[in-house]
Amino acid sequence: MTMRRIAANVVLAPEGRTEQGVVTIENGVVSSIMPLKEELPMTEWYVGTIVVKPDSEGKRRAYMDGKIGRAHV
């Protein structure tokens, strides 16, 4: 299993907007979104907005700059 934790200025998802948010991605699928309250180990940092939306199979994916490749993450 691969896991990435990515922080950005803003995370937009169907459930709402998170300022200074952290997205956890496991095997390419977003498993959690949470506000950044403290620095977390092994966190990648991006300036801008991560958009989380379901793909054609209903799996939540993360996008940055409109590209799945950059923050699909």
C-alpha atoms as a PDB file:
ATOM      1  CA  MET A   1       0.000   0.000   0.000  1.00  0.00           C
ATOM      2  CA  THR A   2       1.307   3.446  -0.900  1.00  0.00           C
ATOM      3  CA  MET A   3       0.339   6.446   1.188  1.00  0.00           C
ATOM      4  CA  ARG A   4       0.909  10.153   0.588  1.00  0.00           C
ATOM      5  CA  ARG A   5      -0.028  13.078   2.786  1.00  0.00           C
ATOM      6  CA  ILE A   6      -0.302  16.395   0.956  1.00  0.00           C
ATOM      7  CA  ALA A   7      -0.953  19.820   2.474  1.00  0.00           C
ATOM      8  CA  ALA A   8      -2.165  22.866   0.528  1.00  0.00           C
ATOM      9  CA  ASN A   9      -3.524  26.340   1.179  1.00  0.00           C
ATOM     10  CA  VAL A  10      -7.041  25.197   0.303  1.00  0.00           C
ATOM     11  CA  VAL A  11      -8.730  21.817  -0.195  1.00  0.00           C
ATOM     12  CA  LEU A  12     -12.060  21.841  -2.050  1.00  0.00           C
ATOM     13  CA  ALA A  13     -14.227  18.733  -1.796  1.00  0.00           C
ATOM     14  CA  PRO A  14     -17.917  17.912  -2.191  1.00  0.00           C
ATOM     15  CA  GLU A  15     -18.258  18.048   1.613  1.00  0.00           C
ATOM     16  CA  GLY A  16     -16.793  21.562   1.813  1.00  0.00           C
ATOM     17  CA  ARG A  17     -13.764  23.827   1.806  1.00  0.00           C
ATOM     18  CA  THR A  18     -10.811  23.333   4.158  1.00  0.00           C
ATOM     19  CA  GLU A  19      -8.324  26.161   4.622  1.00  0.00           C
ATOM     20  CA  GLN A  20      -4.785  24.920   5.270  1.00  0.00           C
ATOM     21  CA  GLY A  21      -5.873  21.348   4.607  1.00  0.00           C
ATOM     22  CA  VAL A  22      -4.187  17.969   4.462  1.00  0.00           C
ATOM     23  CA  VAL A  23      -5.274  15.240   2.069  1.00  0.00           C
ATOM     24  CA  THR A  24      -4.246  11.638   2.751  1.00  0.00           C
ATOM     25  CA  ILE A  25      -4.111   9.428  -0.330  1.00  0.00           C
ATOM     26  CA  GLU A  26      -3.823   5.664  -0.169  1.00  0.00           C
ATOM     27  CA  ASN A  27      -3.268   3.728  -3.396  1.00  0.00           C
ATOM     28  CA  GLY A  28      -4.308   6.787  -5.401  1.00  0.00           C
ATOM     29  CA  VAL A  29      -7.618   7.275  -3.560  1.00  0.00           C
ATOM     30  CA  VAL A  30      -8.312  10.073  -1.071  1.00  0.00           C
ATOM     31  CA  SER A  31      -8.883   8.440   2.307  1.00  0.00           C
ATOM     32  CA  SER A  32      -9.149  11.580   4.450  1.00  0.00           C
ATOM     33  CA  ILE A  33      -9.223  15.367   4.457  1.00  0.00           C
ATOM     34  CA  MET A  34      -8.467  17.334   7.606  1.00  0.00           C
ATOM     35  CA  PRO A  35      -7.406  20.802   8.695  1.00  0.00           C
ATOM     36  CA  LEU A  36      -3.693  21.249   9.260  1.00  0.00           C
ATOM     37  CA  LYS A  37      -3.319  21.890  12.990  1.00  0.00           C
ATOM     38  CA  GLU A  38       0.316  20.900  13.386  1.00  0.00           C
ATOM     39  CA  GLU A  39       3.138  19.822  11.134  1.00  0.00           C
ATOM     40  CA  LEU A  40       2.790  16.149  10.297  1.00  0.00           C
ATOM     41  CA  PRO A  41       5.743  13.930   9.366  1.00  0.00           C
ATOM     42  CA  MET A  42       6.124  12.865   5.742  1.00  0.00           C
ATOM     43  CA  THR A  43       3.825  15.635   4.453  1.00  0.00           C
ATOM     44  CA  GLU A  44       4.348  17.143   0.998  1.00  0.00           C
ATOM     45  CA  TRP A  45       3.536  20.842   0.735  1.00  0.00           C
ATOM     46  CA  TYR A  46       1.918  22.590  -2.239  1.00  0.00           C
ATOM     47  CA  VAL A  47       0.994  26.231  -2.743  1.00  0.00           C
ATOM     48  CA  GLY A  48      -2.516  26.536  -4.106  1.00  0.00           C
ATOM     49  CA  THR A  49      -5.687  24.492  -4.122  1.00  0.00           C
ATOM     50  CA  ILE A  50      -6.289  20.752  -4.184  1.00  0.00           C
ATOM     51  CA  VAL A  51      -9.659  19.744  -5.598  1.00  0.00           C
ATOM     52  CA  VAL A  52     -11.063  16.401  -4.474  1.00  0.00           C
ATOM     53  CA  LYS A  53     -13.761  14.874  -6.658  1.00  0.00           C
ATOM     54  CA  PRO A  54     -15.021  11.417  -7.560  1.00  0.00           C
ATOM     55  CA  ASP A  55     -13.757   9.694 -10.685  1.00  0.00           C
ATOM     56  CA  SER A  56     -15.951   7.660 -13.058  1.00  0.00           C
ATOM     57  CA  GLU A  57     -15.971   4.781 -10.539  1.00  0.00           C
ATOM     58  CA  GLY A  58     -16.926   7.016  -7.606  1.00  0.00           C
ATOM     59  CA  LYS A  59     -13.442   6.911  -6.021  1.00  0.00           C
ATOM     60  CA  ARG A  60     -12.292  10.228  -4.549  1.00  0.00           C
ATOM     61  CA  ARG A  61      -9.257  11.584  -6.414  1.00  0.00           C
ATOM     62  CA  ALA A  62      -7.163  14.699  -5.749  1.00  0.00           C
ATOM     63  CA  TYR A  63      -6.296  17.204  -8.471  1.00  0.00           C
ATOM     64  CA  MET A  64      -4.067  20.255  -8.502  1.00  0.00           C
ATOM     65  CA  ASP A  65      -3.938  22.849 -11.258  1.00  0.00           C
ATOM     66  CA  GLY A  66      -6.717  20.896 -12.985  1.00  0.00           C
ATOM     67  CA  LYS A  67      -4.441  17.922 -13.582  1.00  0.00           C
ATOM     68  CA  ILE A  68      -4.770  14.515 -12.047  1.00  0.00           C
ATOM     69  CA  GLY A  69      -1.094  13.904 -12.716  1.00  0.00           C
ATOM     70  CA  ARG A  70       0.241  16.655 -10.458  1.00  0.00           C
ATOM     71  CA  ALA A  71      -1.786  16.240  -7.347  1.00  0.00           C
ATOM     72  CA  HIS A  72      -3.363  13.005  -8.155  1.00  0.00           C
ATOM     73  CA  VAL A  73      -1.418  13.000  -5.870  1.00  0.00           C
END
